PDB file of N, CA and C in Angstrom:
ATOM      1  N   UNK A   1     125.487 141.467 110.378  1.00  0.00           N
ATOM      2  CA  UNK A   1     124.413 140.470 110.373  1.00  0.00           C
ATOM      3  C   UNK A   1     124.248 139.848 111.758  1.00  0.00           C
ATOM      4  N   UNK A   2     125.368 139.516 112.390  1.00  0.00           N
ATOM      5  CA  UNK A   2     125.328 138.885 113.708  1.00  0.00           C
ATOM      6  C   UNK A   2     124.650 139.791 114.728  1.00  0.00           C
ATOM      7  N   UNK A   3     124.965 141.097 114.655  1.00  0.00           N
ATOM      8  CA  UNK A   3     124.366 142.062 115.573  1.00  0.00           C
ATOM      9  C   UNK A   3     122.854 142.137 115.360  1.00  0.00           C
ATOM     10  N   UNK A   4     122.429 142.118 114.114  1.00  0.00           N
ATOM     11  CA  UNK A   4     121.009 142.159 113.793  1.00  0.00           C
ATOM     12  C   UNK A   4     120.296 140.919 114.317  1.00  0.00           C
ATOM     13  N   UNK A   5     120.912 139.753 114.165  1.00  0.00           N
ATOM     14  CA  UNK A   5     120.324 138.506 114.672  1.00  0.00           C
ATOM     15  C   UNK A   5     120.177 138.561 116.183  1.00  0.00           C
ATOM     16  N   UNK A   6     121.201 139.059 116.855  1.00  0.00           N
ATOM     17  CA  UNK A   6     121.155 139.170 118.316  1.00  0.00           C
ATOM     18  C   UNK A   6     120.038 140.123 118.739  1.00  0.00           C
ATOM     19  N   UNK A   7     119.878 141.215 118.018  1.00  0.00           N
ATOM     20  CA  UNK A   7     118.810 142.167 118.331  1.00  0.00           C
ATOM     21  C   UNK A   7     117.435 141.527 118.130  1.00  0.00           C
ATOM     22  N   UNK A   8     117.303 140.742 117.070  1.00  0.00           N
ATOM     23  CA  UNK A   8     116.032 140.074 116.781  1.00  0.00           C
ATOM     24  C   UNK A   8     115.696 139.075 117.885  1.00  0.00           C
ATOM     25  N   UNK A   9     116.685 138.277 118.287  1.00  0.00           N
ATOM     26  CA  UNK A   9     116.482 137.303 119.366  1.00  0.00           C
ATOM     27  C   UNK A   9     116.117 138.035 120.652  1.00  0.00           C
ATOM     28  N   UNK A  10     116.793 139.146 120.912  1.00  0.00           N
ATOM     29  CA  UNK A  10     116.489 139.947 122.109  1.00  0.00           C
ATOM     30  C   UNK A  10     115.047 140.465 122.053  1.00  0.00           C
ATOM     31  N   UNK A  11     114.599 140.902 120.876  1.00  0.00           N
ATOM     32  CA  UNK A  11     113.222 141.372 120.714  1.00  0.00           C
ATOM     33  C   UNK A  11     112.240 140.241 120.999  1.00  0.00           C
ATOM     34  N   UNK A  12     112.495 139.057 120.435  1.00  0.00           N
ATOM     35  CA  UNK A  12     111.613 137.909 120.660  1.00  0.00           C
ATOM     36  C   UNK A  12     111.585 137.566 122.149  1.00  0.00           C
ATOM     37  N   UNK A  13     112.754 137.574 122.776  1.00  0.00           N
ATOM     38  CA  UNK A  13     112.866 137.311 124.220  1.00  0.00           C
ATOM     39  C   UNK A  13     111.979 138.296 124.985  1.00  0.00           C
ATOM     40  N   UNK A  14     112.099 139.569 124.655  1.00  0.00           N
ATOM     41  CA  UNK A  14     111.331 140.609 125.341  1.00  0.00           C
ATOM     42  C   UNK A  14     109.824 140.412 125.127  1.00  0.00           C
ATOM     43  N   UNK A  15     109.435 140.076 123.906  1.00  0.00           N
ATOM     44  CA  UNK A  15     108.016 139.857 123.619  1.00  0.00           C
ATOM     45  C   UNK A  15     107.480 138.638 124.365  1.00  0.00           C
ATOM     46  N   UNK A  16     108.301 137.600 124.494  1.00  0.00           N
ATOM     47  CA  UNK A  16     107.894 136.424 125.272  1.00  0.00           C
ATOM     48  C   UNK A  16     107.670 136.828 126.729  1.00  0.00           C
ATOM     49  N   UNK A  17     108.559 137.659 127.266  1.00  0.00           N
ATOM     50  CA  UNK A  17     108.382 138.124 128.643  1.00  0.00           C
ATOM     51  C   UNK A  17     107.056 138.864 128.796  1.00  0.00           C
ATOM     52  N   UNK A  18     106.683 139.649 127.788  1.00  0.00           N
ATOM     53  CA  UNK A  18     105.393 140.342 127.826  1.00  0.00           C
ATOM     54  C   UNK A  18     104.247 139.333 127.842  1.00  0.00           C
ATOM     55  N   UNK A  19     104.374 138.297 127.037  1.00  0.00           N
ATOM     56  CA  UNK A  19     103.344 137.249 127.022  1.00  0.00           C
ATOM     57  C   UNK A  19     103.243 136.583 128.393  1.00  0.00           C
ATOM     58  N   UNK A  20     104.374 136.356 129.027  1.00  0.00           N
ATOM     59  CA  UNK A  20     104.383 135.728 130.352  1.00  0.00           C
ATOM     60  C   UNK A  20     103.667 136.602 131.378  1.00  0.00           C
ATOM     61  N   UNK A  21     103.818 137.914 131.249  1.00  0.00           N
ATOM     62  CA  UNK A  21     103.138 138.827 132.168  1.00  0.00           C
ATOM     63  C   UNK A  21     101.624 138.682 132.086  1.00  0.00           C
ATOM     64  N   UNK A  22     101.143 138.248 130.926  1.00  0.00           N
ATOM     65  CA  UNK A  22      99.709 138.048 130.738  1.00  0.00           C
ATOM     66  C   UNK A  22      99.319 136.581 130.855  1.00  0.00           C
ATOM     67  N   UNK A  23     100.199 135.809 131.469  1.00  0.00           N
ATOM     68  CA  UNK A  23      99.918 134.392 131.742  1.00  0.00           C
ATOM     69  C   UNK A  23      99.552 133.599 130.499  1.00  0.00           C
ATOM     70  N   UNK A  24     100.182 133.915 129.389  1.00  0.00           N
ATOM     71  CA  UNK A  24      99.911 133.193 128.155  1.00  0.00           C
ATOM     72  C   UNK A  24     100.715 131.900 128.129  1.00  0.00           C
ATOM     73  N   UNK A  25     100.129 130.874 127.546  1.00  0.00           N
ATOM     74  CA  UNK A  25     100.854 129.620 127.361  1.00  0.00           C
ATOM     75  C   UNK A  25     101.844 129.794 126.209  1.00  0.00           C
ATOM     76  N   UNK A  26     102.728 128.831 126.071  1.00  0.00           N
ATOM     77  CA  UNK A  26     103.684 128.861 124.966  1.00  0.00           C
ATOM     78  C   UNK A  26     102.940 128.941 123.632  1.00  0.00           C
ATOM     79  N   UNK A  27     101.899 128.142 123.491  1.00  0.00           N
ATOM     80  CA  UNK A  27     101.135 128.107 122.243  1.00  0.00           C
ATOM     81  C   UNK A  27     100.443 129.444 121.981  1.00  0.00           C
ATOM     82  N   UNK A  28      99.866 130.040 123.024  1.00  0.00           N
ATOM     83  CA  UNK A  28      99.217 131.344 122.868  1.00  0.00           C
ATOM     84  C   UNK A  28     100.233 132.411 122.491  1.00  0.00           C
ATOM     85  N   UNK A  29     101.398 132.345 123.099  1.00  0.00           N
ATOM     86  CA  UNK A  29     102.463 133.301 122.803  1.00  0.00           C
ATOM     87  C   UNK A  29     102.928 133.146 121.354  1.00  0.00           C
ATOM     88  N   UNK A  30     103.133 131.910 120.927  1.00  0.00           N
ATOM     89  CA  UNK A  30     103.552 131.664 119.547  1.00  0.00           C
ATOM     90  C   UNK A  30     102.511 132.218 118.571  1.00  0.00           C
ATOM     91  N   UNK A  31     101.250 131.989 118.871  1.00  0.00           N
ATOM     92  CA  UNK A  31     100.166 132.474 118.004  1.00  0.00           C
ATOM     93  C   UNK A  31     100.121 134.004 117.987  1.00  0.00           C
ATOM     94  N   UNK A  32     100.230 134.613 119.161  1.00  0.00           N
ATOM     95  CA  UNK A  32     100.169 136.078 119.257  1.00  0.00           C
ATOM     96  C   UNK A  32     101.337 136.734 118.525  1.00  0.00           C
ATOM     97  N   UNK A  33     102.538 136.210 118.722  1.00  0.00           N
ATOM     98  CA  UNK A  33     103.700 136.817 118.068  1.00  0.00           C
ATOM     99  C   UNK A  33     103.670 136.591 116.564  1.00  0.00           C
ATOM    100  N   UNK A  34     103.156 135.458 116.152  1.00  0.00           N
ATOM    101  CA  UNK A  34     103.021 135.194 114.718  1.00  0.00           C
ATOM    102  C   UNK A  34     102.023 136.163 114.091  1.00  0.00           C
ATOM    103  N   UNK A  35     100.900 136.320 114.748  1.00  0.00           N
ATOM    104  CA  UNK A  35      99.817 137.147 114.214  1.00  0.00           C
ATOM    105  C   UNK A  35     100.121 138.642 114.280  1.00  0.00           C
ATOM    106  N   UNK A  36     100.669 139.097 115.410  1.00  0.00           N
ATOM    107  CA  UNK A  36     100.807 140.536 115.641  1.00  0.00           C
ATOM    108  C   UNK A  36     102.211 141.086 115.417  1.00  0.00           C
ATOM    109  N   UNK A  37     103.216 140.211 115.426  1.00  0.00           N
ATOM    110  CA  UNK A  37     104.590 140.695 115.254  1.00  0.00           C
ATOM    111  C   UNK A  37     105.280 140.024 114.075  1.00  0.00           C
ATOM    112  N   UNK A  38     104.546 139.168 113.369  1.00  0.00           N
ATOM    113  CA  UNK A  38     105.078 138.471 112.198  1.00  0.00           C
ATOM    114  C   UNK A  38     106.356 137.683 112.514  1.00  0.00           C
ATOM    115  N   UNK A  39     106.358 137.056 113.690  1.00  0.00           N
ATOM    116  CA  UNK A  39     107.499 136.234 114.110  1.00  0.00           C
ATOM    117  C   UNK A  39     107.096 134.776 113.928  1.00  0.00           C
ATOM    118  N   UNK A  40     107.914 134.033 113.212  1.00  0.00           N
ATOM    119  CA  UNK A  40     107.597 132.636 112.938  1.00  0.00           C
ATOM    120  C   UNK A  40     107.510 131.851 114.242  1.00  0.00           C
ATOM    121  N   UNK A  41     106.485 131.007 114.374  1.00  0.00           N
ATOM    122  CA  UNK A  41     106.317 130.220 115.599  1.00  0.00           C
ATOM    123  C   UNK A  41     107.554 129.401 115.975  1.00  0.00           C
ATOM    124  N   UNK A  42     108.283 128.897 114.989  1.00  0.00           N
ATOM    125  CA  UNK A  42     109.477 128.105 115.302  1.00  0.00           C
ATOM    126  C   UNK A  42     110.528 128.958 116.025  1.00  0.00           C
ATOM    127  N   UNK A  43     110.601 130.229 115.702  1.00  0.00           N
ATOM    128  CA  UNK A  43     111.561 131.120 116.370  1.00  0.00           C
ATOM    129  C   UNK A  43     111.111 131.369 117.803  1.00  0.00           C
ATOM    130  N   UNK A  44     109.834 131.674 117.982  1.00  0.00           N
ATOM    131  CA  UNK A  44     109.304 131.877 119.333  1.00  0.00           C
ATOM    132  C   UNK A  44     109.508 130.629 120.170  1.00  0.00           C
ATOM    133  N   UNK A  45     109.218 129.471 119.588  1.00  0.00           N
ATOM    134  CA  UNK A  45     109.372 128.201 120.299  1.00  0.00           C
ATOM    135  C   UNK A  45     110.820 127.962 120.709  1.00  0.00           C
ATOM    136  N   UNK A  46     111.749 128.241 119.807  1.00  0.00           N
ATOM    137  CA  UNK A  46     113.172 128.035 120.094  1.00  0.00           C
ATOM    138  C   UNK A  46     113.644 128.942 121.223  1.00  0.00           C
ATOM    139  N   UNK A  47     113.274 130.215 121.164  1.00  0.00           N
ATOM    140  CA  UNK A  47     113.676 131.153 122.214  1.00  0.00           C
ATOM    141  C   UNK A  47     113.014 130.757 123.532  1.00  0.00           C
ATOM    142  N   UNK A  48     111.746 130.361 123.482  1.00  0.00           N
ATOM    143  CA  UNK A  48     111.025 129.925 124.684  1.00  0.00           C
ATOM    144  C   UNK A  48     111.752 128.745 125.325  1.00  0.00           C
ATOM    145  N   UNK A  49     112.138 127.759 124.513  1.00  0.00           N
ATOM    146  CA  UNK A  49     112.834 126.570 125.038  1.00  0.00           C
ATOM    147  C   UNK A  49     114.144 126.954 125.719  1.00  0.00           C
ATOM    148  N   UNK A  50     114.876 127.894 125.128  1.00  0.00           N
ATOM    149  CA  UNK A  50     116.130 128.350 125.739  1.00  0.00           C
ATOM    150  C   UNK A  50     115.855 129.043 127.070  1.00  0.00           C
ATOM    151  N   UNK A  51     114.808 129.841 127.112  1.00  0.00           N
ATOM    152  CA  UNK A  51     114.436 130.498 128.370  1.00  0.00           C
ATOM    153  C   UNK A  51     114.064 129.463 129.425  1.00  0.00           C
ATOM    154  N   UNK A  52     113.360 128.405 129.007  1.00  0.00           N
ATOM    155  CA  UNK A  52     113.007 127.328 129.942  1.00  0.00           C
ATOM    156  C   UNK A  52     114.258 126.656 130.503  1.00  0.00           C
ATOM    157  N   UNK A  53     115.254 126.444 129.658  1.00  0.00           N
ATOM    158  CA  UNK A  53     116.506 125.815 130.115  1.00  0.00           C
ATOM    159  C   UNK A  53     117.211 126.700 131.138  1.00  0.00           C
ATOM    160  N   UNK A  54     117.231 128.002 130.857  1.00  0.00           N
ATOM    161  CA  UNK A  54     117.942 128.948 131.719  1.00  0.00           C
ATOM    162  C   UNK A  54     117.185 129.248 133.015  1.00  0.00           C
ATOM    163  N   UNK A  55     115.882 129.052 133.003  1.00  0.00           N
ATOM    164  CA  UNK A  55     115.032 129.436 134.143  1.00  0.00           C
ATOM    165  C   UNK A  55     114.083 128.300 134.501  1.00  0.00           C
ATOM    166  N   UNK A  56     114.646 127.122 134.723  1.00  0.00           N
ATOM    167  CA  UNK A  56     113.851 125.910 134.916  1.00  0.00           C
ATOM    168  C   UNK A  56     112.831 126.046 136.050  1.00  0.00           C
ATOM    169  N   UNK A  57     113.267 126.526 137.205  1.00  0.00           N
ATOM    170  CA  UNK A  57     112.364 126.639 138.359  1.00  0.00           C
ATOM    171  C   UNK A  57     111.212 127.602 138.079  1.00  0.00           C
ATOM    172  N   UNK A  58     111.525 128.719 137.445  1.00  0.00           N
ATOM    173  CA  UNK A  58     110.482 129.693 137.122  1.00  0.00           C
ATOM    174  C   UNK A  58     109.414 129.058 136.235  1.00  0.00           C
ATOM    175  N   UNK A  59     109.844 128.380 135.175  1.00  0.00           N
ATOM    176  CA  UNK A  59     108.882 127.815 134.232  1.00  0.00           C
ATOM    177  C   UNK A  59     108.087 126.661 134.831  1.00  0.00           C
ATOM    178  N   UNK A  60     108.692 125.905 135.726  1.00  0.00           N
ATOM    179  CA  UNK A  60     107.931 124.848 136.407  1.00  0.00           C
ATOM    180  C   UNK A  60     106.802 125.467 137.224  1.00  0.00           C
ATOM    181  N   UNK A  61     107.121 126.522 137.969  1.00  0.00           N
ATOM    182  CA  UNK A  61     106.104 127.214 138.771  1.00  0.00           C
ATOM    183  C   UNK A  61     105.073 127.893 137.865  1.00  0.00           C
ATOM    184  N   UNK A  62     105.535 128.466 136.770  1.00  0.00           N
ATOM    185  CA  UNK A  62     104.651 129.148 135.821  1.00  0.00           C
ATOM    186  C   UNK A  62     103.644 128.170 135.225  1.00  0.00           C
ATOM    187  N   UNK A  63     104.128 127.007 134.810  1.00  0.00           N
ATOM    188  CA  UNK A  63     103.243 125.993 134.218  1.00  0.00           C
ATOM    189  C   UNK A  63     102.233 125.475 135.242  1.00  0.00           C
ATOM    190  N   UNK A  64     102.695 125.292 136.477  1.00  0.00           N
ATOM    191  CA  UNK A  64     101.796 124.818 137.533  1.00  0.00           C
ATOM    192  C   UNK A  64     100.687 125.842 137.776  1.00  0.00           C
ATOM    193  N   UNK A  65     101.073 127.103 137.898  1.00  0.00           N
ATOM    194  CA  UNK A  65     100.100 128.176 138.118  1.00  0.00           C
ATOM    195  C   UNK A  65      99.136 128.274 136.934  1.00  0.00           C
ATOM    196  N   UNK A  66      99.664 128.136 135.727  1.00  0.00           N
ATOM    197  CA  UNK A  66      98.835 128.203 134.524  1.00  0.00           C
ATOM    198  C   UNK A  66      97.792 127.085 134.514  1.00  0.00           C
ATOM    199  N   UNK A  67      98.212 125.872 134.855  1.00  0.00           N
ATOM    200  CA  UNK A  67      97.274 124.738 134.903  1.00  0.00           C
ATOM    201  C   UNK A  67      96.172 124.996 135.928  1.00  0.00           C
ATOM    202  N   UNK A  68      96.566 125.522 137.092  1.00  0.00           N
ATOM    203  CA  UNK A  68      95.589 125.797 138.147  1.00  0.00           C
ATOM    204  C   UNK A  68      94.586 126.863 137.710  1.00  0.00           C
ATOM    205  N   UNK A  69      95.097 127.917 137.072  1.00  0.00           N
ATOM    206  CA  UNK A  69      94.213 128.996 136.634  1.00  0.00           C
ATOM    207  C   UNK A  69      93.271 128.539 135.537  1.00  0.00           C
ATOM    208  N   UNK A  70      93.754 127.715 134.641  1.00  0.00           N
ATOM    209  CA  UNK A  70      92.909 127.240 133.539  1.00  0.00           C
ATOM    210  C   UNK A  70      91.843 126.271 134.031  1.00  0.00           C
ATOM    211  N   UNK A  71      92.130 125.577 135.121  1.00  0.00           N
ATOM    212  CA  UNK A  71      91.128 124.647 135.651  1.00  0.00           C
ATOM    213  C   UNK A  71      90.070 125.377 136.481  1.00  0.00           C
ATOM    214  N   UNK A  72      90.395 126.593 136.935  1.00  0.00           N
ATOM    215  CA  UNK A  72      89.394 127.383 137.662  1.00  0.00           C
ATOM    216  C   UNK A  72      88.446 128.020 136.655  1.00  0.00           C
ATOM    217  N   UNK A  73      87.470 128.722 137.140  1.00  0.00           N
ATOM    218  CA  UNK A  73      86.457 129.298 136.249  1.00  0.00           C
ATOM    219  C   UNK A  73      86.848 130.698 135.796  1.00  0.00           C
ATOM    220  N   UNK A  74      87.895 130.794 134.998  1.00  0.00           N
ATOM    221  CA  UNK A  74      88.303 132.072 134.424  1.00  0.00           C
ATOM    222  C   UNK A  74      87.412 132.349 133.223  1.00  0.00           C
ATOM    223  N   UNK A  75      86.808 133.521 133.192  1.00  0.00           N
ATOM    224  CA  UNK A  75      85.905 133.833 132.082  1.00  0.00           C
ATOM    225  C   UNK A  75      86.689 134.043 130.797  1.00  0.00           C
ATOM    226  N   UNK A  76      86.102 133.638 129.693  1.00  0.00           N
ATOM    227  CA  UNK A  76      86.774 133.784 128.406  1.00  0.00           C
ATOM    228  C   UNK A  76      86.889 135.253 128.023  1.00  0.00           C
ATOM    229  N   UNK A  77      85.967 136.102 128.469  1.00  0.00           N
ATOM    230  CA  UNK A  77      86.072 137.524 128.153  1.00  0.00           C
ATOM    231  C   UNK A  77      87.282 138.139 128.847  1.00  0.00           C
ATOM    232  N   UNK A  78      87.618 137.637 130.036  1.00  0.00           N
ATOM    233  CA  UNK A  78      88.831 138.076 130.726  1.00  0.00           C
ATOM    234  C   UNK A  78      90.058 137.735 129.894  1.00  0.00           C
ATOM    235  N   UNK A  79      90.124 136.507 129.399  1.00  0.00           N
ATOM    236  CA  UNK A  79      91.247 136.055 128.573  1.00  0.00           C
ATOM    237  C   UNK A  79      91.315 136.878 127.289  1.00  0.00           C
ATOM    238  N   UNK A  80      90.154 137.163 126.700  1.00  0.00           N
ATOM    239  CA  UNK A  80      90.129 137.937 125.462  1.00  0.00           C
ATOM    240  C   UNK A  80      90.633 139.352 125.689  1.00  0.00           C
ATOM    241  N   UNK A  81      90.256 139.975 126.804  1.00  0.00           N
ATOM    242  CA  UNK A  81      90.736 141.328 127.073  1.00  0.00           C
ATOM    243  C   UNK A  81      92.233 141.320 127.363  1.00  0.00           C
ATOM    244  N   UNK A  82      92.725 140.279 128.033  1.00  0.00           N
ATOM    245  CA  UNK A  82      94.165 140.150 128.256  1.00  0.00           C
ATOM    246  C   UNK A  82      94.899 140.010 126.927  1.00  0.00           C
ATOM    247  N   UNK A  83      94.339 139.233 126.014  1.00  0.00           N
ATOM    248  CA  UNK A  83      94.958 139.047 124.701  1.00  0.00           C
ATOM    249  C   UNK A  83      94.989 140.367 123.929  1.00  0.00           C
ATOM    250  N   UNK A  84      93.933 141.162 124.023  1.00  0.00           N
ATOM    251  CA  UNK A  84      93.888 142.446 123.330  1.00  0.00           C
ATOM    252  C   UNK A  84      94.936 143.402 123.906  1.00  0.00           C
ATOM    253  N   UNK A  85      95.069 143.428 125.213  1.00  0.00           N
ATOM    254  CA  UNK A  85      96.093 144.263 125.846  1.00  0.00           C
ATOM    255  C   UNK A  85      97.475 143.814 125.390  1.00  0.00           C
ATOM    256  N   UNK A  86      97.691 142.506 125.343  1.00  0.00           N
ATOM    257  CA  UNK A  86      98.974 141.971 124.884  1.00  0.00           C
ATOM    258  C   UNK A  86      99.228 142.387 123.446  1.00  0.00           C
ATOM    259  N   UNK A  87      98.224 142.284 122.591  1.00  0.00           N
ATOM    260  CA  UNK A  87      98.371 142.675 121.191  1.00  0.00           C
ATOM    261  C   UNK A  87      98.791 144.140 121.091  1.00  0.00           C
ATOM    262  N   UNK A  88      98.148 144.995 121.870  1.00  0.00           N
ATOM    263  CA  UNK A  88      98.480 146.416 121.850  1.00  0.00           C
ATOM    264  C   UNK A  88      99.910 146.661 122.331  1.00  0.00           C
ATOM    265  N   UNK A  89     100.319 145.945 123.379  1.00  0.00           N
ATOM    266  CA  UNK A  89     101.679 146.121 123.904  1.00  0.00           C
ATOM    267  C   UNK A  89     102.716 145.630 122.905  1.00  0.00           C
ATOM    268  N   UNK A  90     102.442 144.512 122.248  1.00  0.00           N
ATOM    269  CA  UNK A  90     103.361 143.992 121.233  1.00  0.00           C
ATOM    270  C   UNK A  90     103.492 145.006 120.103  1.00  0.00           C
ATOM    271  N   UNK A  91     102.372 145.543 119.660  1.00  0.00           N
ATOM    272  CA  UNK A  91     102.387 146.536 118.590  1.00  0.00           C
ATOM    273  C   UNK A  91     103.214 147.758 118.998  1.00  0.00           C
ATOM    274  N   UNK A  92     103.023 148.238 120.218  1.00  0.00           N
ATOM    275  CA  UNK A  92     103.772 149.401 120.706  1.00  0.00           C
ATOM    276  C   UNK A  92     105.264 149.099 120.773  1.00  0.00           C
ATOM    277  N   UNK A  93     105.619 147.902 121.272  1.00  0.00           N
ATOM    278  CA  UNK A  93     107.039 147.548 121.358  1.00  0.00           C
ATOM    279  C   UNK A  93     107.671 147.481 119.979  1.00  0.00           C
ATOM    280  N   UNK A  94     106.944 146.950 119.017  1.00  0.00           N
ATOM    281  CA  UNK A  94     107.476 146.875 117.659  1.00  0.00           C
ATOM    282  C   UNK A  94     107.669 148.264 117.080  1.00  0.00           C
ATOM    283  N   UNK A  95     106.717 149.160 117.324  1.00  0.00           N
ATOM    284  CA  UNK A  95     106.866 150.536 116.868  1.00  0.00           C
ATOM    285  C   UNK A  95     108.060 151.206 117.544  1.00  0.00           C
ATOM    286  N   UNK A  96     108.183 151.029 118.858  1.00  0.00           N
ATOM    287  CA  UNK A  96     109.307 151.603 119.598  1.00  0.00           C
ATOM    288  C   UNK A  96     110.625 151.044 119.087  1.00  0.00           C
ATOM    289  N   UNK A  97     110.656 149.751 118.818  1.00  0.00           N
ATOM    290  CA  UNK A  97     111.863 149.094 118.333  1.00  0.00           C
ATOM    291  C   UNK A  97     112.246 149.639 116.967  1.00  0.00           C
ATOM    292  N   UNK A  98     111.273 149.810 116.088  1.00  0.00           N
ATOM    293  CA  UNK A  98     111.579 150.301 114.755  1.00  0.00           C
ATOM    294  C   UNK A  98     111.968 151.774 114.810  1.00  0.00           C
ATOM    295  N   UNK A  99     111.361 152.551 115.711  1.00  0.00           N
ATOM    296  CA  UNK A  99     111.740 153.948 115.876  1.00  0.00           C
ATOM    297  C   UNK A  99     113.172 154.042 116.377  1.00  0.00           C
ATOM    298  N   UNK A 100     113.510 153.215 117.366  1.00  0.00           N
ATOM    299  CA  UNK A 100     114.859 153.200 117.926  1.00  0.00           C
ATOM    300  C   UNK A 100     115.875 152.822 116.860  1.00  0.00           C
ATOM    301  N   UNK A 101     115.555 151.830 116.049  1.00  0.00           N
ATOM    302  CA  UNK A 101     116.449 151.382 114.980  1.00  0.00           C
ATOM    303  C   UNK A 101     116.634 152.494 113.960  1.00  0.00           C
ATOM    304  N   UNK A 102     115.519 153.152 113.562  1.00  0.00           N
ATOM    305  CA  UNK A 102     115.591 154.234 112.587  1.00  0.00           C
ATOM    306  C   UNK A 102     116.425 155.397 113.103  1.00  0.00           C
ATOM    307  N   UNK A 103     116.312 155.718 114.373  1.00  0.00           N
ATOM    308  CA  UNK A 103     117.069 156.841 114.923  1.00  0.00           C
ATOM    309  C   UNK A 103     118.555 156.524 114.998  1.00  0.00           C
ATOM    310  N   UNK A 104     118.912 155.230 115.136  1.00  0.00           N
ATOM    311  CA  UNK A 104     120.318 154.841 115.141  1.00  0.00           C
ATOM    312  C   UNK A 104     120.890 154.794 113.735  1.00  0.00           C
ATOM    313  N   UNK A 105     120.050 154.582 112.730  1.00  0.00           N
ATOM    314  CA  UNK A 105     120.502 154.484 111.346  1.00  0.00           C
ATOM    315  C   UNK A 105     120.835 155.843 110.757  1.00  0.00           C
ATOM    316  N   UNK A 106     120.241 156.904 111.300  1.00  0.00           N
ATOM    317  CA  UNK A 106     120.446 158.233 110.731  1.00  0.00           C
ATOM    318  C   UNK A 106     121.663 158.892 111.276  1.00  0.00           C
TER     319      UNK A 106
END
């Protein structure tokens, strides 16, 4: 059970990193993982908070950059296409993860 929990946390961690690559906010990431990976927002939030503790300087810079980008004139269609790419990547990672798990079970 402990190994499975660690793997799940690692998966959530990895998916959060993917969200960060697409400049998603914590709230957007929680929504995306809930919708596309069936991960409860409280779990995403908890893992995100731990990552913030471990990488304080990174997240401070990330939040600053995010605020600046959101205040500029970023088109909503750009954000929507980024979200779609993220959704596809999350789906692929989940498939890869389940394939990897299945191959280890046999």
